[in-house]
């Protein structure tokens, strides 16, 4: 098993001007977990065109590029293939780029249990800009993922980050490409008080409610819209504040490091609170009164604070209140390994509900969760990202809200 020292050395070794990173979390459709495998991990077309310019030939049918792919985390070497399936320009329906030729489930990239894992693709480019080899690190557990994200910031499910270094060795780009919506704030739209002091998570969620007010959407739709909106607000404010500082430059490495570390910690802090705060607001909009229908971040037992207890903290702590009418909801953006953290958060409640944004789990992971008494709650839009055998056993947020409404009914 690789150690964090191995990972640290690997990250340093592959942080050079001719190397560009593509970082993402593997979805069930990337691995063999979904049963509807599409031939390999999805990587954004524009990015692959940038590292394999020879692929960008619309006149050719399914142009491809073979290259060496080394999964250093698992000592696995393959002759991989990047291919642009482009029959849409010939009367078909496909217009996507994939990496293929990984073999079977023996590849860490296709192993169903890798679903949810953070993975770094480090493409080594030669003088003409074409990549000649790609080194890969597939995180076996969240300790490795946390180590990487401590340096680069959180990688949201369904998103990706691109990293490159200039010839001076300075970080010159690290971003998650996105199409700006109405939630993106231009510098002149950012409140002046935020420019003086970066807003806290609660302030950003309040702004999200302004820009993504409910217009009859289901709780599942609203949660996904607001989560996306909140991150867009966060990143736009971050750019408005930090970009001028970066463009001005730094006089010492220490100044650069401290500024970068502060930005990463701020992102982690927002991530740690945003999903729970969005969920709380939806509960309130669904007429679930706080303190009567739910408690947010209450104390269940000494030193234990689940994200939500239903119908309330006082009901939970009342030994006369029937345990079968109690519910607990934990919220975690990713759940691959983190689901185990919730098992002892409320001793009176045997079944723990877990709301997650992760795009799928393997059948083996789901079986283990179920055996431990964990019920997954996922947005309705994410159900199809899970294996078909698991989908009937998932609960939507709307369904969960419907269930907890009746907890106060004798």
Protein backbone atom coordinates (compact mmCIF):
# COMPACT_ATOMS: atom_id res chain seq x y z
CA UNK A 1 0.00 0.00 0.00
CA UNK A 2 1.29 3.45 -0.92
CA UNK A 3 2.06 5.86 1.91
CA UNK A 4 1.45 9.60 2.14
CA UNK A 5 5.19 10.04 1.70
CA UNK A 6 4.93 8.16 -1.60
CA UNK A 7 2.02 10.38 -2.63
CA UNK A 8 3.86 13.55 -1.61
CA UNK A 9 6.91 12.51 -3.63
CA UNK A 10 4.68 11.65 -6.59
CA UNK A 11 2.98 15.05 -6.50
CA UNK A 12 6.34 16.83 -6.40
CA UNK A 13 7.75 14.69 -9.20
CA UNK A 14 4.80 15.48 -11.46
CA UNK A 15 4.68 19.21 -10.77
CA UNK A 16 6.74 20.51 -13.68
CA UNK A 17 6.12 23.09 -16.42
CA UNK A 18 5.47 20.45 -19.11
CA UNK A 19 2.95 18.53 -16.96
CA UNK A 20 -0.74 19.35 -16.64
CA UNK A 21 -3.08 17.72 -14.12
CA UNK A 22 -6.70 16.75 -14.57
CA UNK A 23 -8.30 15.93 -11.20
CA UNK A 24 -11.75 14.43 -10.70
CA UNK A 25 -13.76 11.93 -8.67
CA UNK A 26 -14.69 8.71 -10.42
CA UNK A 27 -18.42 8.33 -11.00
CA UNK A 28 -20.20 5.01 -11.37
CA UNK A 29 -20.32 5.64 -15.12
CA UNK A 30 -16.53 6.00 -15.15
CA UNK A 31 -15.96 2.63 -13.48
CA UNK A 32 -17.72 -0.68 -14.03
CA UNK A 33 -20.10 0.00 -11.14
CA UNK A 34 -23.09 1.21 -13.14
CA UNK A 35 -23.35 -1.69 -15.55
CA UNK A 36 -23.71 0.87 -18.36
CA UNK A 37 -19.99 1.32 -18.88
CA UNK A 38 -19.02 3.80 -21.59
CA UNK A 39 -15.50 2.45 -22.25
CA UNK A 40 -13.47 4.56 -19.81
CA UNK A 41 -13.32 7.56 -17.47
CA UNK A 42 -14.92 10.68 -18.84
CA UNK A 43 -12.55 13.60 -19.41
CA UNK A 44 -13.71 16.93 -20.80
CA UNK A 45 -13.32 17.11 -24.55
CA UNK A 46 -11.68 20.53 -24.66
CA UNK A 47 -9.08 19.41 -22.13
CA UNK A 48 -8.17 16.26 -24.05
CA UNK A 49 -7.93 18.31 -27.24
CA UNK A 50 -5.40 20.51 -25.43
CA UNK A 51 -3.15 17.58 -24.45
CA UNK A 52 -3.79 15.57 -27.63
CA UNK A 53 -4.16 18.21 -30.40
CA UNK A 54 -4.08 15.46 -33.04
CA UNK A 55 -7.49 14.29 -31.80
CA UNK A 56 -9.17 17.49 -32.89
CA UNK A 57 -9.88 16.39 -36.46
CA UNK A 58 -13.58 16.55 -37.24
CA UNK A 59 -12.98 15.32 -40.78
CA UNK A 60 -11.66 11.99 -39.47
CA UNK A 61 -14.03 9.32 -38.17
CA UNK A 62 -13.36 8.62 -34.47
CA UNK A 63 -9.76 9.93 -34.47
CA UNK A 64 -7.63 8.41 -31.73
CA UNK A 65 -4.25 8.61 -30.02
CA UNK A 66 -2.41 5.79 -28.24
CA UNK A 67 -0.20 6.65 -25.29
CA UNK A 68 1.40 5.06 -22.26
CA UNK A 69 -0.66 5.30 -19.08
CA UNK A 70 1.05 4.50 -15.79
CA UNK A 71 -1.17 4.12 -12.72
CA UNK A 72 1.67 4.69 -10.27
CA UNK A 73 -0.52 4.30 -7.17
CA UNK A 74 -1.15 0.66 -8.11
CA UNK A 75 1.91 -0.10 -10.27
CA UNK A 76 -0.25 -0.72 -13.32
CA UNK A 77 0.95 0.15 -16.84
CA UNK A 78 -1.31 0.19 -19.89
CA UNK A 79 -1.19 1.22 -23.51
CA UNK A 80 -4.21 3.48 -23.39
CA UNK A 81 -6.21 5.09 -26.16
CA UNK A 82 -7.80 8.51 -26.32
CA UNK A 83 -10.62 8.56 -28.85
CA UNK A 84 -13.08 11.17 -30.07
CA UNK A 85 -16.36 9.46 -30.90
CA UNK A 86 -17.67 11.98 -33.41
CA UNK A 87 -20.38 10.23 -35.44
CA UNK A 88 -22.71 13.12 -34.58
CA UNK A 89 -21.15 14.89 -37.55
CA UNK A 90 -22.13 11.92 -39.74
CA UNK A 91 -25.75 11.49 -38.74
CA UNK A 92 -25.10 9.76 -35.42
CA UNK A 93 -25.53 10.90 -31.82
CA UNK A 94 -22.10 10.65 -30.17
CA UNK A 95 -19.77 13.61 -29.68
CA UNK A 96 -17.56 12.78 -26.72
CA UNK A 97 -13.97 11.92 -25.90
CA UNK A 98 -13.05 8.90 -23.80
CA UNK A 99 -9.97 7.13 -22.53
CA UNK A 100 -10.12 3.41 -23.28
CA UNK A 101 -8.03 0.20 -23.30
CA UNK A 102 -7.82 -0.18 -19.54
CA UNK A 103 -8.62 -3.86 -19.67
CA UNK A 104 -11.21 -5.14 -17.21
CA UNK A 105 -12.06 -4.58 -13.55
CA UNK A 106 -8.43 -5.41 -12.75
CA UNK A 107 -7.66 -1.79 -13.63
CA UNK A 108 -7.95 0.55 -10.60
CA UNK A 109 -9.72 3.03 -12.88
CA UNK A 110 -12.45 0.53 -13.75
CA UNK A 111 -12.74 -1.25 -10.41
CA UNK A 112 -16.30 -0.70 -9.14
CA UNK A 113 -14.94 -0.07 -5.65
CA UNK A 114 -13.01 2.92 -7.02
CA UNK A 115 -16.33 4.73 -7.50
CA UNK A 116 -16.09 8.01 -5.60
CA UNK A 117 -12.28 7.90 -5.49
CA UNK A 118 -10.27 11.03 -6.23
CA UNK A 119 -7.96 10.51 -9.21
CA UNK A 120 -5.17 12.67 -10.64
CA UNK A 121 -4.21 12.35 -14.32
CA UNK A 122 -0.79 13.97 -14.89
CA UNK A 123 -0.23 14.40 -18.63
CA UNK A 124 3.41 14.88 -19.71
CA UNK A 125 3.56 17.04 -22.83
CA UNK A 126 6.46 17.25 -25.27
CA UNK A 127 7.60 20.28 -27.26
CA UNK A 128 4.68 20.17 -29.72
CA UNK A 129 2.19 20.16 -26.85
CA UNK A 130 1.12 16.55 -27.46
CA UNK A 131 1.16 14.33 -24.38
CA UNK A 132 3.46 11.33 -24.63
CA UNK A 133 2.65 9.66 -21.31
CA UNK A 134 0.13 10.04 -18.51
CA UNK A 135 0.91 9.20 -14.88
CA UNK A 136 -2.11 8.50 -12.68
CA UNK A 137 -2.78 8.33 -8.96
CA UNK A 138 -6.03 6.69 -7.83
CA UNK A 139 -6.70 7.36 -4.14
CA UNK A 140 -7.42 4.18 -2.22
CA UNK A 141 -8.98 6.02 0.71
CA UNK A 142 -10.03 9.50 1.80
CA UNK A 143 -6.80 10.10 3.72
CA UNK A 144 -5.01 10.31 0.36
CA UNK A 145 -7.80 12.43 -1.12
CA UNK A 146 -7.63 14.82 1.84
CA UNK A 147 -3.86 15.10 1.38
CA UNK A 148 -4.27 16.12 -2.26
CA UNK A 149 -7.15 18.48 -1.53
CA UNK A 150 -5.15 20.14 1.24
CA UNK A 151 -2.93 21.40 -1.58
CA UNK A 152 -5.41 22.04 -4.36
CA UNK A 153 -8.78 22.58 -2.72
CA UNK A 154 -11.91 20.44 -2.78
CA UNK A 155 -12.95 18.64 -5.97
CA UNK A 156 -16.73 18.50 -6.13
CA UNK A 157 -18.50 15.39 -7.47
CA UNK A 158 -19.20 15.87 -11.16
CA UNK A 159 -16.58 18.64 -11.45
CA UNK A 160 -12.91 18.64 -12.28
CA UNK A 161 -9.83 20.75 -11.75
CA UNK A 162 -6.93 21.51 -14.07
CA UNK A 163 -3.49 22.39 -12.78
CA UNK A 164 -0.36 23.60 -14.54
CA UNK A 165 2.96 25.16 -13.55
CA UNK A 166 4.89 27.86 -15.43
CA UNK A 167 8.61 27.74 -16.23
CA UNK A 168 9.47 29.62 -13.05
CA UNK A 169 7.84 26.86 -11.04
CA UNK A 170 4.88 29.01 -10.00
CA UNK A 171 1.31 27.75 -10.03
CA UNK A 172 -0.18 29.48 -13.03
CA UNK A 173 -3.55 27.83 -13.28
CA UNK A 174 -5.75 25.70 -11.10
CA UNK A 175 -9.38 25.98 -11.86
CA UNK A 176 -12.65 24.17 -12.36
CA UNK A 177 -13.98 25.14 -15.80
CA UNK A 178 -17.59 26.18 -15.66
CA UNK A 179 -20.22 28.09 -17.55
CA UNK A 180 -21.08 31.17 -15.54
CA UNK A 181 -24.74 31.53 -14.69
CA UNK A 182 -26.64 34.34 -13.01
CA UNK A 183 -24.99 33.32 -9.75
CA UNK A 184 -21.54 34.44 -10.94
CA UNK A 185 -20.82 37.87 -9.48
CA UNK A 186 -18.68 40.30 -11.42
CA UNK A 187 -16.36 42.39 -9.22
CA UNK A 188 -18.73 45.36 -9.24
CA UNK A 189 -21.57 43.08 -8.07
CA UNK A 190 -19.72 41.79 -5.02
CA UNK A 191 -20.91 43.59 -1.84
CA UNK A 192 -18.27 46.06 -0.67
CA UNK A 193 -18.23 44.49 2.80
CA UNK A 194 -17.27 41.15 1.24
CA UNK A 195 -14.32 42.77 -0.50
CA UNK A 196 -13.06 43.87 2.90
CA UNK A 197 -13.73 40.56 4.64
CA UNK A 198 -14.45 37.30 2.84
CA UNK A 199 -18.06 36.25 3.54
CA UNK A 200 -18.83 33.29 5.75
CA UNK A 201 -20.83 30.29 4.57
CA UNK A 202 -24.09 31.62 6.03
CA UNK A 203 -23.73 34.89 4.08
CA UNK A 204 -23.14 33.03 0.82
CA UNK A 205 -26.14 30.77 1.44
CA UNK A 206 -28.27 33.87 2.10
CA UNK A 207 -27.14 35.31 -1.25
CA UNK A 208 -27.93 31.99 -2.89
CA UNK A 209 -31.50 32.22 -1.64
CA UNK A 210 -31.81 35.62 -3.33
CA UNK A 211 -30.54 34.32 -6.68
CA UNK A 212 -32.18 30.89 -6.54
CA UNK A 213 -35.50 31.51 -4.84
CA UNK A 214 -37.98 28.67 -4.89
CA UNK A 215 -40.48 28.77 -7.74
CA UNK A 216 -42.19 25.47 -7.10
CA UNK A 217 -39.19 23.23 -7.70
CA UNK A 218 -38.95 19.99 -5.75
CA UNK A 219 -36.52 19.90 -2.80
CA UNK A 220 -34.22 17.64 -4.86
CA UNK A 221 -34.01 20.07 -7.77
CA UNK A 222 -33.66 23.06 -5.47
CA UNK A 223 -30.83 21.47 -3.50
CA UNK A 224 -28.76 20.76 -6.62
CA UNK A 225 -29.43 24.22 -8.07
CA UNK A 226 -28.47 25.99 -4.87
CA UNK A 227 -25.40 23.89 -4.24
CA UNK A 228 -24.15 24.79 -7.73
CA UNK A 229 -25.14 28.44 -7.26
CA UNK A 230 -23.41 28.70 -3.89
CA UNK A 231 -20.13 27.40 -5.25
CA UNK A 232 -20.35 29.80 -8.17
CA UNK A 233 -20.88 32.73 -5.80
CA UNK A 234 -17.96 31.55 -3.68
CA UNK A 235 -15.57 31.18 -6.62
CA UNK A 236 -16.59 34.52 -8.14
CA UNK A 237 -15.97 36.35 -4.87
CA UNK A 238 -12.68 34.52 -4.46
CA UNK A 239 -11.61 35.58 -7.94
CA UNK A 240 -12.65 39.20 -7.36
CA UNK A 241 -10.58 39.36 -4.16
CA UNK A 242 -7.62 37.12 -4.94
CA UNK A 243 -6.96 37.62 -8.65
CA UNK A 244 -5.67 41.22 -8.31
CA UNK A 245 -3.35 40.04 -5.53
CA UNK A 246 -2.02 37.18 -7.66
CA UNK A 247 -1.55 39.44 -10.68
CA UNK A 248 0.41 41.91 -8.57
CA UNK A 249 2.76 39.11 -7.52
CA UNK A 250 4.50 38.20 -4.28
CA UNK A 251 7.81 39.33 -2.86
CA UNK A 252 8.50 36.17 -0.86
CA UNK A 253 7.65 32.47 -1.11
CA UNK A 254 6.27 32.67 2.41
CA UNK A 255 3.73 35.31 1.40
CA UNK A 256 2.68 33.20 -1.59
CA UNK A 257 2.36 30.04 0.51
CA UNK A 258 0.35 31.71 3.26
CA UNK A 259 -2.06 33.28 0.79
CA UNK A 260 -2.58 29.99 -1.02
CA UNK A 261 -3.02 28.05 2.22
CA UNK A 262 -5.59 30.56 3.47
CA UNK A 263 -7.57 30.18 0.23
CA UNK A 264 -7.58 26.38 0.47
CA UNK A 265 -8.66 26.42 4.12
CA UNK A 266 -11.43 28.88 3.28
CA UNK A 267 -12.70 26.55 0.55
CA UNK A 268 -12.66 23.58 2.91
CA UNK A 269 -14.54 25.56 5.54
CA UNK A 270 -17.24 26.56 3.06
CA UNK A 271 -17.52 23.02 1.76
CA UNK A 272 -17.86 21.64 5.26
CA UNK A 273 -20.89 23.82 6.00
CA UNK A 274 -22.62 24.57 2.69
CA UNK A 275 -24.57 21.35 2.07
CA UNK A 276 -25.93 21.31 5.61
CA UNK A 277 -26.97 24.97 5.45
CA UNK A 278 -28.66 24.52 2.05
CA UNK A 279 -30.54 21.51 3.42
CA UNK A 280 -31.63 23.46 6.51
CA UNK A 281 -33.07 26.25 4.36
CA UNK A 282 -35.02 23.74 2.29
CA UNK A 283 -36.45 22.18 5.45
CA UNK A 284 -37.62 25.63 6.56
CA UNK A 285 -39.18 26.37 3.15
CA UNK A 286 -40.97 23.02 3.39
CA UNK A 287 -42.62 24.32 6.60
CA UNK A 288 -40.56 22.12 8.93
CA UNK A 289 -40.19 24.39 11.93
CA UNK A 290 -36.79 24.26 13.60
CA UNK A 291 -36.99 23.03 17.17
CA UNK A 292 -40.33 21.36 16.54
CA UNK A 293 -39.75 19.25 13.43
CA UNK A 294 -35.94 19.19 13.37
CA UNK A 295 -32.81 20.37 15.14
CA UNK A 296 -29.70 21.45 13.22
CA UNK A 297 -26.31 20.33 14.61
CA UNK A 298 -27.72 19.36 18.01
CA UNK A 299 -25.90 17.38 20.68
CA UNK A 300 -27.19 13.80 20.78
CA UNK A 301 -24.75 12.45 23.35
CA UNK A 302 -21.80 14.26 24.95
CA UNK A 303 -19.32 15.09 22.20
CA UNK A 304 -21.60 13.86 19.40
CA UNK A 305 -23.29 16.30 17.02
CA UNK A 306 -25.17 14.87 14.03
CA UNK A 307 -26.16 17.31 11.30
CA UNK A 308 -29.90 16.90 11.91
CA UNK A 309 -32.14 15.18 14.44
CA UNK A 310 -35.89 14.70 13.93
CA UNK A 311 -38.25 15.73 15.37
CA UNK A 312 -35.95 17.62 17.76
CA UNK A 313 -33.04 17.45 20.16
CA UNK A 314 -35.39 17.54 23.15
CA UNK A 315 -37.38 14.60 21.80
CA UNK A 316 -34.19 12.65 21.30
CA UNK A 317 -33.00 13.33 24.83
CA UNK A 318 -36.41 12.44 26.30
CA UNK A 319 -36.11 8.75 27.17
CA UNK A 320 -39.91 8.50 27.13
CA UNK A 321 -40.08 9.56 23.48
CA UNK A 322 -40.37 6.42 21.29
CA UNK A 323 -37.07 5.63 19.54
CA UNK A 324 -38.92 4.39 16.44
CA UNK A 325 -40.17 7.94 15.85
CA UNK A 326 -36.67 9.43 15.84
CA UNK A 327 -34.60 10.10 12.72
CA UNK A 328 -31.06 11.28 12.09
CA UNK A 329 -29.74 12.81 8.86
CA UNK A 330 -26.05 13.28 8.14
CA UNK A 331 -24.91 15.33 5.13
CA UNK A 332 -21.65 14.57 3.33
CA UNK A 333 -20.73 15.74 -0.13
CA UNK A 334 -18.83 12.49 -0.69
CA UNK A 335 -19.43 9.25 1.13
CA UNK A 336 -16.99 6.62 -0.20
CA UNK A 337 -15.18 6.20 3.14
CA UNK A 338 -16.75 8.97 5.19
CA UNK A 339 -20.05 7.17 5.75
CA UNK A 340 -18.48 5.25 8.63
CA UNK A 341 -18.08 8.52 10.55
CA UNK A 342 -21.83 8.76 11.16
CA UNK A 343 -22.38 5.34 12.74
CA UNK A 344 -22.03 6.49 16.36
CA UNK A 345 -23.55 9.96 16.07
CA UNK A 346 -26.94 9.09 17.62
CA UNK A 347 -27.02 5.96 19.75
CA UNK A 348 -30.83 5.79 20.05
CA UNK A 349 -31.31 5.66 16.29
CA UNK A 350 -30.36 2.39 14.62
CA UNK A 351 -30.89 3.43 11.00
CA UNK A 352 -28.82 6.45 9.97
CA UNK A 353 -29.89 8.50 6.95
CA UNK A 354 -27.05 9.99 4.88
CA UNK A 355 -27.57 12.72 2.28
CA UNK A 356 -24.75 12.76 -0.28
CA UNK A 357 -23.90 14.29 -3.67
CA UNK A 358 -21.56 11.46 -4.66
CA UNK A 359 -22.29 10.11 -8.14
CA UNK A 360 -22.76 6.45 -7.37
CA UNK A 361 -21.30 3.73 -5.15
CA UNK A 362 -20.40 0.15 -5.97
CA UNK A 363 -22.71 -2.72 -5.09
CA UNK A 364 -20.16 -3.90 -2.55
CA UNK A 365 -19.98 -0.47 -0.91
CA UNK A 366 -23.76 -0.21 -0.80
CA UNK A 367 -24.11 -3.67 0.73
CA UNK A 368 -21.64 -2.71 3.45
CA UNK A 369 -23.49 0.54 4.17
CA UNK A 370 -26.85 -1.21 4.33
CA UNK A 371 -25.52 -3.88 6.68
CA UNK A 372 -24.32 -1.10 9.00
CA UNK A 373 -27.78 0.52 8.99
CA UNK A 374 -27.05 3.42 6.64
CA UNK A 375 -29.83 4.58 4.30
CA UNK A 376 -28.59 6.72 1.41
CA UNK A 377 -30.55 9.86 0.51
CA UNK A 378 -29.67 11.31 -2.91
CA UNK A 379 -31.18 13.96 -5.13
CA UNK A 380 -33.58 12.53 -7.69
CA UNK A 381 -31.31 13.85 -10.46
CA UNK A 382 -28.49 11.62 -9.23
CA UNK A 383 -30.42 8.35 -9.03
CA UNK A 384 -29.38 7.27 -12.52
CA UNK A 385 -25.73 7.69 -11.54
CA UNK A 386 -26.14 4.66 -9.27
CA UNK A 387 -26.18 1.00 -10.37
CA UNK A 388 -29.67 -0.06 -11.44
CA UNK A 389 -29.81 -2.70 -8.69
CA UNK A 390 -29.25 0.00 -6.05
CA UNK A 391 -31.64 2.65 -7.37
CA UNK A 392 -34.83 1.16 -5.84
CA UNK A 393 -33.20 1.30 -2.40
CA UNK A 394 -32.27 4.98 -2.55
CA UNK A 395 -34.40 7.65 -0.94
CA UNK A 396 -34.86 11.09 -2.41
CA UNK A 397 -34.74 14.24 -0.30
CA UNK A 398 -38.41 14.91 -1.09
CA UNK A 399 -39.34 11.43 0.12
CA UNK A 400 -37.30 11.85 3.29
CA UNK A 401 -39.04 15.15 4.05
CA UNK A 402 -42.39 13.44 3.57
CA UNK A 403 -41.40 10.78 6.09
CA UNK A 404 -40.25 13.16 8.82
CA UNK A 405 -43.42 15.26 8.57
CA UNK A 406 -45.30 12.53 10.39
CA UNK A 407 -42.85 12.10 13.27
CA UNK A 408 -44.81 14.52 15.48
CA UNK A 409 -48.07 12.68 14.85
CA UNK A 410 -48.81 10.36 17.81
